[in-house]
C-alpha atoms as a PDB file:
ATOM      1  CA  MET A   1     136.542 130.815 251.160  1.00  0.00           C
ATOM      2  CA  MET A   2     136.034 127.666 253.188  1.00  0.00           C
ATOM      3  CA  ASN A   3     133.474 127.643 255.956  1.00  0.00           C
ATOM      4  CA  ASN A   4     134.343 126.389 259.446  1.00  0.00           C
ATOM      5  CA  GLU A   5     133.259 122.807 258.743  1.00  0.00           C
ATOM      6  CA  GLN A   6     135.295 122.663 255.544  1.00  0.00           C
ATOM      7  CA  GLN A   7     138.328 124.132 257.316  1.00  0.00           C
ATOM      8  CA  GLN A   8     138.091 121.494 260.035  1.00  0.00           C
ATOM      9  CA  ARG A   9     137.877 118.764 257.388  1.00  0.00           C
ATOM     10  CA  SER A  10     140.872 120.248 255.570  1.00  0.00           C
ATOM     11  CA  ASP A  11     142.889 120.377 258.801  1.00  0.00           C
ATOM     12  CA  TYR A  12     142.006 116.754 259.540  1.00  0.00           C
ATOM     13  CA  LEU A  13     143.052 115.617 256.049  1.00  0.00           C
ATOM     14  CA  TYR A  14     146.286 117.600 256.312  1.00  0.00           C
ATOM     15  CA  GLU A  15     147.145 115.899 259.615  1.00  0.00           C
ATOM     16  CA  GLN A  16     146.373 112.498 258.107  1.00  0.00           C
ATOM     17  CA  HIS A  17     148.652 113.327 255.180  1.00  0.00           C
ATOM     18  CA  VAL A  18     151.524 114.212 257.521  1.00  0.00           C
ATOM     19  CA  THR A  19     150.921 111.089 259.621  1.00  0.00           C
ATOM     20  CA  HIS A  20     150.983 108.803 256.589  1.00  0.00           C
ATOM     21  CA  LEU A  21     154.167 110.366 255.256  1.00  0.00           C
ATOM     22  CA  THR A  22     155.787 109.972 258.668  1.00  0.00           C
ATOM     23  CA  LEU A  23     154.735 106.327 258.887  1.00  0.00           C
ATOM     24  CA  GLN A  24     156.217 105.773 255.417  1.00  0.00           C
ATOM     25  CA  GLY A  25     159.544 106.927 256.811  1.00  0.00           C
ATOM     26  CA  LYS A  26     159.795 110.111 254.765  1.00  0.00           C
ATOM     27  CA  ARG A  27     162.381 112.623 255.902  1.00  0.00           C
ATOM     28  CA  PRO A  28     161.182 115.823 257.597  1.00  0.00           C
ATOM     29  CA  ALA A  29     162.229 117.958 254.597  1.00  0.00           C
ATOM     30  CA  THR A  30     160.204 115.731 252.257  1.00  0.00           C
ATOM     31  CA  ILE A  31     157.165 115.886 254.530  1.00  0.00           C
ATOM     32  CA  ASP A  32     157.504 119.657 254.683  1.00  0.00           C
ATOM     33  CA  GLY A  33     157.756 119.980 250.900  1.00  0.00           C
ATOM     34  CA  TYR A  34     154.802 117.702 250.211  1.00  0.00           C
ATOM     35  CA  SER A  35     152.724 119.421 252.879  1.00  0.00           C
ATOM     36  CA  ARG A  36     153.488 122.886 251.543  1.00  0.00           C
ATOM     37  CA  ALA A  37     152.499 121.797 248.043  1.00  0.00           C
ATOM     38  CA  LEU A  38     149.219 120.378 249.319  1.00  0.00           C
ATOM     39  CA  HIS A  39     148.505 123.536 251.271  1.00  0.00           C
ATOM     40  CA  ARG A  40     149.288 125.808 248.304  1.00  0.00           C
ATOM     41  CA  ILE A  41     147.111 123.927 245.817  1.00  0.00           C
ATOM     42  CA  THR A  42     144.129 123.629 248.152  1.00  0.00           C
ATOM     43  CA  HIS A  43     144.407 127.285 249.146  1.00  0.00           C
ATOM     44  CA  TYR A  44     144.771 128.432 245.535  1.00  0.00           C
ATOM     45  CA  LEU A  45     141.797 126.404 244.320  1.00  0.00           C
ATOM     46  CA  ASP A  46     139.829 126.888 247.560  1.00  0.00           C
ATOM     47  CA  LYS A  47     138.960 123.193 247.598  1.00  0.00           C
ATOM     48  CA  LEU A  48     139.296 120.383 250.070  1.00  0.00           C
ATOM     49  CA  PRO A  49     142.166 118.000 249.306  1.00  0.00           C
ATOM     50  CA  ASP A  50     139.824 115.052 248.836  1.00  0.00           C
ATOM     51  CA  THR A  51     137.776 116.922 246.241  1.00  0.00           C
ATOM     52  CA  LEU A  52     140.681 117.772 243.921  1.00  0.00           C
ATOM     53  CA  THR A  53     140.398 116.216 240.495  1.00  0.00           C
ATOM     54  CA  THR A  54     143.020 115.325 237.923  1.00  0.00           C
ATOM     55  CA  LYS A  55     141.886 118.361 235.946  1.00  0.00           C
ATOM     56  CA  ASP A  56     142.475 120.595 238.993  1.00  0.00           C
ATOM     57  CA  LEU A  57     146.007 119.281 239.340  1.00  0.00           C
ATOM     58  CA  LYS A  58     146.846 119.829 235.678  1.00  0.00           C
END
């Protein structure tokens, strides 16, 4: 389970992800789908998004 500092970092990265997708002009449904996938994988692996490796994603 993530500690408070890790959770804050994860929340920050999640918000950055959403912001970048919005700036790219992605549709709300696409942003929602991508964001849900990111949330599921980071929750399942209990890792921060910026620490995921190719092996984790396989």
